[in-house]
Amino acid sequence: MKKLKSEQEYINALNRIDELLQLTGDDVPPDDPNMVELLEISDLVYYYESIHYPMGKEEHERLGLEYKP
């Protein structure tokens, strides 16, 4: 899997996610090309954000998420 290397690539990925969300839904099969792309880009964004925009314990608690340091 490739990585997002810049803030611009990150912004482009977020924009692409917005586009793909318009093309997918609960009724779209997981092997649909748009759904596959959406999941792949979402993983890239998640990884990028975990490095460049990490959430601390307080943010996790506020969102009701488990905190794993």
PDB file of N, CA and C in Angstrom:
ATOM      1  N   MET A   1       0.847  -1.177   0.000  1.00  0.00           N
ATOM      2  CA  MET A   1       0.000   0.000   0.000  1.00  0.00           C
ATOM      3  C   MET A   1       0.890   1.238   0.000  1.00  0.00           C
ATOM      4  N   LYS A   2       0.568   2.180  -0.853  1.00  0.00           N
ATOM      5  CA  LYS A   2       1.342   3.420  -0.864  1.00  0.00           C
ATOM      6  C   LYS A   2       0.946   4.290   0.318  1.00  0.00           C
ATOM      7  N   LYS A   3       1.736   5.284   0.596  1.00  0.00           N
ATOM      8  CA  LYS A   3       1.456   6.211   1.689  1.00  0.00           C
ATOM      9  C   LYS A   3       1.225   7.602   1.119  1.00  0.00           C
ATOM     10  N   LEU A   4       0.466   8.395   1.852  1.00  0.00           N
ATOM     11  CA  LEU A   4       0.306   9.798   1.495  1.00  0.00           C
ATOM     12  C   LEU A   4       1.568  10.516   1.956  1.00  0.00           C
ATOM     13  N   LYS A   5       2.192  11.244   1.055  1.00  0.00           N
ATOM     14  CA  LYS A   5       3.501  11.836   1.341  1.00  0.00           C
ATOM     15  C   LYS A   5       3.459  13.326   1.631  1.00  0.00           C
ATOM     16  N   SER A   6       2.325  13.964   1.411  1.00  0.00           N
ATOM     17  CA  SER A   6       2.268  15.406   1.617  1.00  0.00           C
ATOM     18  C   SER A   6       0.871  15.819   2.065  1.00  0.00           C
ATOM     19  N   GLU A   7       0.786  17.030   2.561  1.00  0.00           N
ATOM     20  CA  GLU A   7      -0.509  17.581   2.964  1.00  0.00           C
ATOM     21  C   GLU A   7      -1.436  17.686   1.751  1.00  0.00           C
ATOM     22  N   GLN A   8      -0.884  18.000   0.583  1.00  0.00           N
ATOM     23  CA  GLN A   8      -1.717  18.100  -0.621  1.00  0.00           C
ATOM     24  C   GLN A   8      -2.284  16.743  -1.008  1.00  0.00           C
ATOM     25  N   GLU A   9      -1.478  15.691  -0.916  1.00  0.00           N
ATOM     26  CA  GLU A   9      -2.003  14.356  -1.195  1.00  0.00           C
ATOM     27  C   GLU A   9      -3.098  13.982  -0.198  1.00  0.00           C
ATOM     28  N   TYR A  10      -2.923  14.375   1.048  1.00  0.00           N
ATOM     29  CA  TYR A  10      -3.929  14.129   2.090  1.00  0.00           C
ATOM     30  C   TYR A  10      -5.241  14.850   1.742  1.00  0.00           C
ATOM     31  N   ILE A  11      -5.152  16.105   1.354  1.00  0.00           N
ATOM     32  CA  ILE A  11      -6.344  16.880   0.978  1.00  0.00           C
ATOM     33  C   ILE A  11      -7.016  16.257  -0.247  1.00  0.00           C
ATOM     34  N   ASN A  12      -6.220  15.846  -1.224  1.00  0.00           N
ATOM     35  CA  ASN A  12      -6.771  15.196  -2.417  1.00  0.00           C
ATOM     36  C   ASN A  12      -7.496  13.904  -2.042  1.00  0.00           C
ATOM     37  N   ALA A  13      -6.927  13.152  -1.109  1.00  0.00           N
ATOM     38  CA  ALA A  13      -7.552  11.904  -0.665  1.00  0.00           C
ATOM     39  C   ALA A  13      -8.877  12.191   0.034  1.00  0.00           C
ATOM     40  N   LEU A  14      -8.922  13.225   0.865  1.00  0.00           N
ATOM     41  CA  LEU A  14     -10.175  13.589   1.529  1.00  0.00           C
ATOM     42  C   LEU A  14     -11.240  13.984   0.506  1.00  0.00           C
ATOM     43  N   ASN A  15     -10.840  14.726  -0.506  1.00  0.00           N
ATOM     44  CA  ASN A  15     -11.782  15.118  -1.561  1.00  0.00           C
ATOM     45  C   ASN A  15     -12.287  13.901  -2.323  1.00  0.00           C
ATOM     46  N   ARG A  16     -11.397  12.946  -2.586  1.00  0.00           N
ATOM     47  CA  ARG A  16     -11.801  11.738  -3.296  1.00  0.00           C
ATOM     48  C   ARG A  16     -12.764  10.914  -2.444  1.00  0.00           C
ATOM     49  N   ILE A  17     -12.532  10.879  -1.137  1.00  0.00           N
ATOM     50  CA  ILE A  17     -13.455  10.174  -0.248  1.00  0.00           C
ATOM     51  C   ILE A  17     -14.845  10.798  -0.354  1.00  0.00           C
ATOM     52  N   ASP A  18     -14.923  12.130  -0.361  1.00  0.00           N
ATOM     53  CA  ASP A  18     -16.217  12.804  -0.515  1.00  0.00           C
ATOM     54  C   ASP A  18     -16.909  12.385  -1.810  1.00  0.00           C
ATOM     55  N   GLU A  19     -16.146  12.302  -2.894  1.00  0.00           N
ATOM     56  CA  GLU A  19     -16.715  11.885  -4.181  1.00  0.00           C
ATOM     57  C   GLU A  19     -17.214  10.446  -4.119  1.00  0.00           C
ATOM     58  N   LEU A  20     -16.409   9.574  -3.543  1.00  0.00           N
ATOM     59  CA  LEU A  20     -16.764   8.156  -3.490  1.00  0.00           C
ATOM     60  C   LEU A  20     -17.959   7.898  -2.581  1.00  0.00           C
ATOM     61  N   LEU A  21     -18.112   8.689  -1.538  1.00  0.00           N
ATOM     62  CA  LEU A  21     -19.268   8.526  -0.651  1.00  0.00           C
ATOM     63  C   LEU A  21     -20.571   8.787  -1.392  1.00  0.00           C
ATOM     64  N   GLN A  22     -20.530   9.634  -2.410  1.00  0.00           N
ATOM     65  CA  GLN A  22     -21.717   9.906  -3.222  1.00  0.00           C
ATOM     66  C   GLN A  22     -22.060   8.722  -4.128  1.00  0.00           C
ATOM     67  N   LEU A  23     -21.056   7.880  -4.401  1.00  0.00           N
ATOM     68  CA  LEU A  23     -21.230   6.761  -5.333  1.00  0.00           C
ATOM     69  C   LEU A  23     -21.454   5.422  -4.638  1.00  0.00           C
ATOM     70  N   THR A  24     -21.339   5.403  -3.333  1.00  0.00           N
ATOM     71  CA  THR A  24     -21.464   4.154  -2.592  1.00  0.00           C
ATOM     72  C   THR A  24     -22.538   4.286  -1.524  1.00  0.00           C
ATOM     73  N   GLY A  25     -22.907   3.188  -0.969  1.00  0.00           N
ATOM     74  CA  GLY A  25     -23.905   3.172   0.099  1.00  0.00           C
ATOM     75  C   GLY A  25     -23.979   1.783   0.683  1.00  0.00           C
ATOM     76  N   ASP A  26     -24.942   1.591   1.570  1.00  0.00           N
ATOM     77  CA  ASP A  26     -25.088   0.301   2.232  1.00  0.00           C
ATOM     78  C   ASP A  26     -25.433  -0.820   1.262  1.00  0.00           C
ATOM     79  N   ASP A  27     -26.040  -0.470   0.136  1.00  0.00           N
ATOM     80  CA  ASP A  27     -26.461  -1.499  -0.818  1.00  0.00           C
ATOM     81  C   ASP A  27     -25.383  -1.847  -1.842  1.00  0.00           C
ATOM     82  N   VAL A  28     -24.227  -1.209  -1.773  1.00  0.00           N
ATOM     83  CA  VAL A  28     -23.143  -1.474  -2.723  1.00  0.00           C
ATOM     84  C   VAL A  28     -22.321  -2.655  -2.219  1.00  0.00           C
ATOM     85  N   PRO A  29     -22.087  -3.655  -3.063  1.00  0.00           N
ATOM     86  CA  PRO A  29     -21.309  -4.811  -2.617  1.00  0.00           C
ATOM     87  C   PRO A  29     -19.855  -4.431  -2.316  1.00  0.00           C
ATOM     88  N   PRO A  30     -19.222  -5.169  -1.407  1.00  0.00           N
ATOM     89  CA  PRO A  30     -17.848  -4.827  -1.010  1.00  0.00           C
ATOM     90  C   PRO A  30     -16.828  -4.966  -2.133  1.00  0.00           C
ATOM     91  N   ASP A  31     -17.163  -5.688  -3.197  1.00  0.00           N
ATOM     92  CA  ASP A  31     -16.215  -5.828  -4.298  1.00  0.00           C
ATOM     93  C   ASP A  31     -16.439  -4.809  -5.417  1.00  0.00           C
ATOM     94  N   ASP A  32     -17.380  -3.896  -5.211  1.00  0.00           N
ATOM     95  CA  ASP A  32     -17.603  -2.815  -6.173  1.00  0.00           C
ATOM     96  C   ASP A  32     -16.333  -1.961  -6.254  1.00  0.00           C
ATOM     97  N   PRO A  33     -15.868  -1.613  -7.441  1.00  0.00           N
ATOM     98  CA  PRO A  33     -14.622  -0.844  -7.573  1.00  0.00           C
ATOM     99  C   PRO A  33     -14.603   0.459  -6.767  1.00  0.00           C
ATOM    100  N   ASN A  34     -15.733   1.160  -6.711  1.00  0.00           N
ATOM    101  CA  ASN A  34     -15.782   2.400  -5.930  1.00  0.00           C
ATOM    102  C   ASN A  34     -15.646   2.119  -4.436  1.00  0.00           C
ATOM    103  N   MET A  35     -16.254   1.036  -3.978  1.00  0.00           N
ATOM    104  CA  MET A  35     -16.161   0.676  -2.566  1.00  0.00           C
ATOM    105  C   MET A  35     -14.738   0.242  -2.216  1.00  0.00           C
ATOM    106  N   VAL A  36     -14.127  -0.522  -3.091  1.00  0.00           N
ATOM    107  CA  VAL A  36     -12.741  -0.945  -2.868  1.00  0.00           C
ATOM    108  C   VAL A  36     -11.836   0.270  -2.769  1.00  0.00           C
ATOM    109  N   GLU A  37     -11.999   1.209  -3.704  1.00  0.00           N
ATOM    110  CA  GLU A  37     -11.189   2.426  -3.673  1.00  0.00           C
ATOM    111  C   GLU A  37     -11.456   3.237  -2.407  1.00  0.00           C
ATOM    112  N   LEU A  38     -12.711   3.345  -2.011  1.00  0.00           N
ATOM    113  CA  LEU A  38     -13.064   4.088  -0.802  1.00  0.00           C
ATOM    114  C   LEU A  38     -12.371   3.493   0.425  1.00  0.00           C
ATOM    115  N   LEU A  39     -12.396   2.196   0.551  1.00  0.00           N
ATOM    116  CA  LEU A  39     -11.761   1.548   1.699  1.00  0.00           C
ATOM    117  C   LEU A  39     -10.247   1.734   1.683  1.00  0.00           C
ATOM    118  N   GLU A  40      -9.640   1.634   0.508  1.00  0.00           N
ATOM    119  CA  GLU A  40      -8.193   1.811   0.406  1.00  0.00           C
ATOM    120  C   GLU A  40      -7.774   3.239   0.755  1.00  0.00           C
ATOM    121  N   ILE A  41      -8.478   4.214   0.221  1.00  0.00           N
ATOM    122  CA  ILE A  41      -8.144   5.612   0.502  1.00  0.00           C
ATOM    123  C   ILE A  41      -8.407   5.937   1.968  1.00  0.00           C
ATOM    124  N   SER A  42      -9.467   5.382   2.518  1.00  0.00           N
ATOM    125  CA  SER A  42      -9.763   5.607   3.936  1.00  0.00           C
ATOM    126  C   SER A  42      -8.622   5.097   4.812  1.00  0.00           C
ATOM    127  N   ASP A  43      -8.063   3.954   4.467  1.00  0.00           N
ATOM    128  CA  ASP A  43      -6.924   3.425   5.216  1.00  0.00           C
ATOM    129  C   ASP A  43      -5.717   4.352   5.116  1.00  0.00           C
ATOM    130  N   LEU A  44      -5.468   4.880   3.930  1.00  0.00           N
ATOM    131  CA  LEU A  44      -4.351   5.813   3.745  1.00  0.00           C
ATOM    132  C   LEU A  44      -4.534   7.057   4.593  1.00  0.00           C
ATOM    133  N   VAL A  45      -5.746   7.589   4.604  1.00  0.00           N
ATOM    134  CA  VAL A  45      -6.045   8.794   5.391  1.00  0.00           C
ATOM    135  C   VAL A  45      -5.903   8.492   6.881  1.00  0.00           C
ATOM    136  N   TYR A  46      -6.402   7.345   7.309  1.00  0.00           N
ATOM    137  CA  TYR A  46      -6.296   6.966   8.722  1.00  0.00           C
ATOM    138  C   TYR A  46      -4.830   6.908   9.151  1.00  0.00           C
ATOM    139  N   TYR A  47      -3.997   6.277   8.335  1.00  0.00           N
ATOM    140  CA  TYR A  47      -2.576   6.169   8.652  1.00  0.00           C
ATOM    141  C   TYR A  47      -1.927   7.558   8.695  1.00  0.00           C
ATOM    142  N   TYR A  48      -2.214   8.394   7.704  1.00  0.00           N
ATOM    143  CA  TYR A  48      -1.641   9.741   7.647  1.00  0.00           C
ATOM    144  C   TYR A  48      -2.043  10.541   8.877  1.00  0.00           C
ATOM    145  N   GLU A  49      -3.323  10.467   9.231  1.00  0.00           N
ATOM    146  CA  GLU A  49      -3.808  11.223  10.387  1.00  0.00           C
ATOM    147  C   GLU A  49      -3.213  10.711  11.691  1.00  0.00           C
ATOM    148  N   SER A  50      -2.979   9.415  11.788  1.00  0.00           N
ATOM    149  CA  SER A  50      -2.401   8.874  13.022  1.00  0.00           C
ATOM    150  C   SER A  50      -0.993   9.396  13.258  1.00  0.00           C
ATOM    151  N   ILE A  51      -0.308   9.760  12.193  1.00  0.00           N
ATOM    152  CA  ILE A  51       1.049  10.301  12.314  1.00  0.00           C
ATOM    153  C   ILE A  51       1.033  11.822  12.452  1.00  0.00           C
ATOM    154  N   HIS A  52       0.270  12.498  11.603  1.00  0.00           N
ATOM    155  CA  HIS A  52       0.305  13.956  11.536  1.00  0.00           C
ATOM    156  C   HIS A  52      -0.729  14.666  12.403  1.00  0.00           C
ATOM    157  N   TYR A  53      -1.791  13.962  12.773  1.00  0.00           N
ATOM    158  CA  TYR A  53      -2.849  14.547  13.611  1.00  0.00           C
ATOM    159  C   TYR A  53      -3.277  13.545  14.687  1.00  0.00           C
ATOM    160  N   PRO A  54      -2.336  13.105  15.506  1.00  0.00           N
ATOM    161  CA  PRO A  54      -2.692  12.086  16.498  1.00  0.00           C
ATOM    162  C   PRO A  54      -3.667  12.633  17.540  1.00  0.00           C
ATOM    163  N   MET A  55      -4.540  11.766  17.984  1.00  0.00           N
ATOM    164  CA  MET A  55      -5.494  12.138  19.032  1.00  0.00           C
ATOM    165  C   MET A  55      -4.960  11.631  20.362  1.00  0.00           C
ATOM    166  N   GLY A  56      -5.091  12.435  21.378  1.00  0.00           N
ATOM    167  CA  GLY A  56      -4.685  12.047  22.710  1.00  0.00           C
ATOM    168  C   GLY A  56      -5.815  11.368  23.459  1.00  0.00           C
ATOM    169  N   LYS A  57      -5.551  11.031  24.688  1.00  0.00           N
ATOM    170  CA  LYS A  57      -6.520  10.324  25.518  1.00  0.00           C
ATOM    171  C   LYS A  57      -7.820  11.112  25.651  1.00  0.00           C
ATOM    172  N   GLU A  58      -7.723  12.425  25.825  1.00  0.00           N
ATOM    173  CA  GLU A  58      -8.912  13.248  26.005  1.00  0.00           C
ATOM    174  C   GLU A  58      -9.825  13.205  24.782  1.00  0.00           C
ATOM    175  N   GLU A  59      -9.243  13.274  23.589  1.00  0.00           N
ATOM    176  CA  GLU A  59     -10.051  13.232  22.372  1.00  0.00           C
ATOM    177  C   GLU A  59     -10.747  11.883  22.232  1.00  0.00           C
ATOM    178  N   HIS A  60     -10.020  10.810  22.538  1.00  0.00           N
ATOM    179  CA  HIS A  60     -10.618   9.482  22.471  1.00  0.00           C
ATOM    180  C   HIS A  60     -11.799   9.371  23.440  1.00  0.00           C
ATOM    181  N   GLU A  61     -11.598   9.828  24.659  1.00  0.00           N
ATOM    182  CA  GLU A  61     -12.666   9.755  25.655  1.00  0.00           C
ATOM    183  C   GLU A  61     -13.874  10.594  25.243  1.00  0.00           C
ATOM    184  N   ARG A  62     -13.624  11.777  24.705  1.00  0.00           N
ATOM    185  CA  ARG A  62     -14.709  12.657  24.273  1.00  0.00           C
ATOM    186  C   ARG A  62     -15.537  12.005  23.162  1.00  0.00           C
ATOM    187  N   LEU A  63     -14.872  11.242  22.291  1.00  0.00           N
ATOM    188  CA  LEU A  63     -15.557  10.588  21.192  1.00  0.00           C
ATOM    189  C   LEU A  63     -16.066   9.198  21.560  1.00  0.00           C
ATOM    190  N   GLY A  64     -15.785   8.766  22.784  1.00  0.00           N
ATOM    191  CA  GLY A  64     -16.219   7.448  23.220  1.00  0.00           C
ATOM    192  C   GLY A  64     -15.441   6.314  22.606  1.00  0.00           C
ATOM    193  N   LEU A  65     -14.173   6.584  22.277  1.00  0.00           N
ATOM    194  CA  LEU A  65     -13.305   5.587  21.658  1.00  0.00           C
ATOM    195  C   LEU A  65     -12.299   5.038  22.663  1.00  0.00           C
ATOM    196  N   GLU A  66     -11.859   3.834  22.410  1.00  0.00           N
ATOM    197  CA  GLU A  66     -10.846   3.239  23.261  1.00  0.00           C
ATOM    198  C   GLU A  66      -9.498   3.892  22.969  1.00  0.00           C
ATOM    199  N   TYR A  67      -8.762   4.247  23.993  1.00  0.00           N
ATOM    200  CA  TYR A  67      -7.451   4.883  23.821  1.00  0.00           C
ATOM    201  C   TYR A  67      -6.380   3.805  23.864  1.00  0.00           C
ATOM    202  N   LYS A  68      -5.571   3.741  22.795  1.00  0.00           N
ATOM    203  CA  LYS A  68      -4.457   2.789  22.720  1.00  0.00           C
ATOM    204  C   LYS A  68      -3.187   3.587  22.429  1.00  0.00           C
ATOM    205  N   PRO A  69      -2.402   3.894  23.468  1.00  0.00           N
ATOM    206  CA  PRO A  69      -1.185   4.686  23.236  1.00  0.00           C
ATOM    207  C   PRO A  69      -0.144   3.963  22.422  1.00  0.00           C
TER     208      PRO A  69
END
